[in-house]
Amino acid sequence: MKTSIKTELANHIIDKINDGIINDTNRDDWHYYCFNEDYYIVYHSNAIKWLDKHSIDTFESIDIVKEYELDHFGEFTTDINPERIVNMLAYIYGEELLSELDAETIEDLEEKLNNL
């Protein structure tokens, strides 16, 4: 995962902490509330800008999503359009980031995010 994406997703998680959406009582659902409950990016044009901002090739992004879905679900089902692909990338990278941080409490998570 590129540093620019990691930083952006870390800030997104911190926003969820500050908004009280994730906390110690819903630790098992942090990923869901941050990256699956709602769209991360809305509109095709914003998704295309997001890919450009992070210097991600369109076909590379599709391949990342395809590989993840085949490994985890046995099939590739995400529609191939900018918005769907970018939202799935945020889902994948968000899962990777939260797993990497391996925080037990919201305070631990916030501290680790601030130290990235």
C-alpha atoms as a PDB file:
ATOM      1  CA  MET A   1       0.000   0.000   0.000  1.00  0.00           C
ATOM      2  CA  LYS A   2       1.336   3.403  -0.946  1.00  0.00           C
ATOM      3  CA  THR A   3       2.181   5.834   1.835  1.00  0.00           C
ATOM      4  CA  SER A   4      -0.280   8.406   0.505  1.00  0.00           C
ATOM      5  CA  ILE A   5      -3.113   5.878   0.747  1.00  0.00           C
ATOM      6  CA  LYS A   6      -2.060   4.729   4.206  1.00  0.00           C
ATOM      7  CA  THR A   7      -2.027   8.330   5.426  1.00  0.00           C
ATOM      8  CA  GLU A   8      -5.420   9.100   3.900  1.00  0.00           C
ATOM      9  CA  LEU A   9      -7.028   5.964   5.337  1.00  0.00           C
ATOM     10  CA  ALA A  10      -5.449   6.610   8.740  1.00  0.00           C
ATOM     11  CA  ASN A  11      -7.038  10.069   8.741  1.00  0.00           C
ATOM     12  CA  HIS A  12     -10.362   8.510   7.741  1.00  0.00           C
ATOM     13  CA  ILE A  13     -10.174   6.125  10.710  1.00  0.00           C
ATOM     14  CA  ILE A  14      -9.258   8.988  13.044  1.00  0.00           C
ATOM     15  CA  ASP A  15     -12.338  10.850  11.810  1.00  0.00           C
ATOM     16  CA  LYS A  16     -14.456   7.788  12.676  1.00  0.00           C
ATOM     17  CA  ILE A  17     -12.907   7.732  16.150  1.00  0.00           C
ATOM     18  CA  ASN A  18     -13.546  11.461  16.642  1.00  0.00           C
ATOM     19  CA  ASP A  19     -17.137  11.065  15.458  1.00  0.00           C
ATOM     20  CA  GLY A  20     -17.682   8.257  17.989  1.00  0.00           C
ATOM     21  CA  ILE A  21     -18.489   5.743  15.261  1.00  0.00           C
ATOM     22  CA  ILE A  22     -15.798   3.299  16.351  1.00  0.00           C
ATOM     23  CA  ASN A  23     -14.954   2.672  19.980  1.00  0.00           C
ATOM     24  CA  ASP A  24     -13.891  -0.057  22.377  1.00  0.00           C
ATOM     25  CA  THR A  25     -17.343  -1.641  22.425  1.00  0.00           C
ATOM     26  CA  ASN A  26     -17.397  -2.347  18.677  1.00  0.00           C
ATOM     27  CA  ARG A  27     -13.750  -3.380  18.131  1.00  0.00           C
ATOM     28  CA  ASP A  28     -14.679  -6.410  16.017  1.00  0.00           C
ATOM     29  CA  ASP A  29     -16.558  -4.122  13.645  1.00  0.00           C
ATOM     30  CA  TRP A  30     -14.012  -1.313  13.194  1.00  0.00           C
ATOM     31  CA  HIS A  31     -13.299  -2.312   9.605  1.00  0.00           C
ATOM     32  CA  TYR A  32     -16.987  -2.558   8.806  1.00  0.00           C
ATOM     33  CA  TYR A  33     -17.801   0.889  10.222  1.00  0.00           C
ATOM     34  CA  CYS A  34     -14.815   2.532   8.544  1.00  0.00           C
ATOM     35  CA  PHE A  35     -14.831   0.911   5.118  1.00  0.00           C
ATOM     36  CA  ASN A  36     -18.003  -1.049   4.496  1.00  0.00           C
ATOM     37  CA  GLU A  37     -20.945   0.694   6.115  1.00  0.00           C
ATOM     38  CA  ASP A  38     -20.932   3.525   3.595  1.00  0.00           C
ATOM     39  CA  TYR A  39     -19.172   4.411   0.359  1.00  0.00           C
ATOM     40  CA  TYR A  40     -15.647   5.733   0.784  1.00  0.00           C
ATOM     41  CA  ILE A  41     -15.766   7.575  -2.553  1.00  0.00           C
ATOM     42  CA  VAL A  42     -18.901   8.736  -4.341  1.00  0.00           C
ATOM     43  CA  TYR A  43     -19.132   9.494  -8.082  1.00  0.00           C
ATOM     44  CA  HIS A  44     -17.034   8.136 -10.897  1.00  0.00           C
ATOM     45  CA  SER A  45     -15.210  11.431 -11.397  1.00  0.00           C
ATOM     46  CA  ASN A  46     -14.074  11.497  -7.751  1.00  0.00           C
ATOM     47  CA  ALA A  47     -12.918   7.903  -7.989  1.00  0.00           C
ATOM     48  CA  ILE A  48     -10.865   8.643 -11.098  1.00  0.00           C
ATOM     49  CA  LYS A  49      -9.287  11.629  -9.315  1.00  0.00           C
ATOM     50  CA  TRP A  50      -8.525   9.387  -6.319  1.00  0.00           C
ATOM     51  CA  LEU A  51      -6.699   6.882  -8.533  1.00  0.00           C
ATOM     52  CA  ASP A  52      -4.750   9.706 -10.186  1.00  0.00           C
ATOM     53  CA  LYS A  53      -3.946  11.324  -6.831  1.00  0.00           C
ATOM     54  CA  HIS A  54      -2.384   8.084  -5.617  1.00  0.00           C
ATOM     55  CA  SER A  55      -0.776   7.248  -8.993  1.00  0.00           C
ATOM     56  CA  ILE A  56      -2.655   3.978  -9.358  1.00  0.00           C
ATOM     57  CA  ASP A  57      -3.116   2.609 -12.842  1.00  0.00           C
ATOM     58  CA  THR A  58      -6.686   1.639 -13.695  1.00  0.00           C
ATOM     59  CA  PHE A  59      -5.784  -1.897 -14.697  1.00  0.00           C
ATOM     60  CA  GLU A  60      -3.558  -2.326 -11.647  1.00  0.00           C
ATOM     61  CA  SER A  61      -6.475  -1.354  -9.416  1.00  0.00           C
ATOM     62  CA  ILE A  62      -8.785  -3.842 -11.144  1.00  0.00           C
ATOM     63  CA  ASP A  63      -6.167  -6.582 -10.749  1.00  0.00           C
ATOM     64  CA  ILE A  64      -5.790  -5.865  -7.021  1.00  0.00           C
ATOM     65  CA  VAL A  65      -9.545  -6.125  -6.481  1.00  0.00           C
ATOM     66  CA  LYS A  66      -9.842  -9.210  -8.674  1.00  0.00           C
ATOM     67  CA  GLU A  67      -7.021 -11.041  -6.877  1.00  0.00           C
ATOM     68  CA  TYR A  68      -8.439 -10.157  -3.444  1.00  0.00           C
ATOM     69  CA  GLU A  69     -11.947 -11.317  -4.330  1.00  0.00           C
ATOM     70  CA  LEU A  70     -10.754 -14.552  -5.921  1.00  0.00           C
ATOM     71  CA  ASP A  71      -8.598 -15.321  -2.849  1.00  0.00           C
ATOM     72  CA  HIS A  72     -11.309 -14.467  -0.310  1.00  0.00           C
ATOM     73  CA  PHE A  73     -14.592 -15.218  -2.066  1.00  0.00           C
ATOM     74  CA  GLY A  74     -13.658 -17.556  -4.910  1.00  0.00           C
ATOM     75  CA  GLU A  75     -15.093 -15.234  -7.540  1.00  0.00           C
ATOM     76  CA  PHE A  76     -14.691 -11.708  -8.872  1.00  0.00           C
ATOM     77  CA  THR A  77     -17.994  -9.855  -8.555  1.00  0.00           C
ATOM     78  CA  THR A  78     -17.209  -6.135  -8.279  1.00  0.00           C
ATOM     79  CA  ASP A  79     -18.550  -4.124 -11.196  1.00  0.00           C
ATOM     80  CA  ILE A  80     -15.742  -2.641 -13.233  1.00  0.00           C
ATOM     81  CA  ASN A  81     -16.322   1.063 -12.864  1.00  0.00           C
ATOM     82  CA  PRO A  82     -14.178   3.653 -11.076  1.00  0.00           C
ATOM     83  CA  GLU A  83     -16.434   4.123  -8.059  1.00  0.00           C
ATOM     84  CA  ARG A  84     -16.851   0.417  -7.303  1.00  0.00           C
ATOM     85  CA  ILE A  85     -13.171  -0.374  -7.797  1.00  0.00           C
ATOM     86  CA  VAL A  86     -11.954   2.497  -5.599  1.00  0.00           C
ATOM     87  CA  ASN A  87     -14.425   1.625  -2.840  1.00  0.00           C
ATOM     88  CA  MET A  88     -13.219  -1.963  -2.924  1.00  0.00           C
ATOM     89  CA  LEU A  89      -9.589  -0.762  -2.812  1.00  0.00           C
ATOM     90  CA  ALA A  90     -10.411   1.305   0.280  1.00  0.00           C
ATOM     91  CA  TYR A  91     -12.034  -1.802   1.781  1.00  0.00           C
ATOM     92  CA  ILE A  92      -8.957  -3.942   1.039  1.00  0.00           C
ATOM     93  CA  TYR A  93      -6.383  -1.376   2.143  1.00  0.00           C
ATOM     94  CA  GLY A  94      -8.427  -0.476   5.226  1.00  0.00           C
ATOM     95  CA  GLU A  95      -8.493  -4.120   6.247  1.00  0.00           C
ATOM     96  CA  GLU A  96      -4.747  -4.341   5.689  1.00  0.00           C
ATOM     97  CA  LEU A  97      -4.071  -1.198   7.727  1.00  0.00           C
ATOM     98  CA  LEU A  98      -6.228  -2.203  10.693  1.00  0.00           C
ATOM     99  CA  SER A  99      -4.691  -5.665  10.685  1.00  0.00           C
ATOM    100  CA  GLU A 100      -1.184  -4.223  10.552  1.00  0.00           C
ATOM    101  CA  LEU A 101      -1.872  -1.903  13.484  1.00  0.00           C
ATOM    102  CA  ASP A 102      -3.414  -4.728  15.546  1.00  0.00           C
ATOM    103  CA  ALA A 103      -4.758  -2.355  18.201  1.00  0.00           C
ATOM    104  CA  GLU A 104      -6.661  -3.676  21.207  1.00  0.00           C
ATOM    105  CA  THR A 105      -8.267  -0.424  22.319  1.00  0.00           C
ATOM    106  CA  ILE A 106      -9.417   2.756  20.624  1.00  0.00           C
ATOM    107  CA  GLU A 107      -6.680   4.692  22.438  1.00  0.00           C
ATOM    108  CA  ASP A 108      -4.078   2.216  21.171  1.00  0.00           C
ATOM    109  CA  LEU A 109      -5.478   2.498  17.644  1.00  0.00           C
ATOM    110  CA  GLU A 110      -5.442   6.287  17.714  1.00  0.00           C
ATOM    111  CA  GLU A 111      -1.883   6.375  19.035  1.00  0.00           C
ATOM    112  CA  LYS A 112      -0.662   3.974  16.346  1.00  0.00           C
ATOM    113  CA  LEU A 113      -2.464   5.921  13.618  1.00  0.00           C
ATOM    114  CA  ASN A 114      -0.898   9.188  14.792  1.00  0.00           C
ATOM    115  CA  ASN A 115       2.548   7.579  14.731  1.00  0.00           C
ATOM    116  CA  LEU A 116       2.397   6.349  11.144  1.00  0.00           C
END
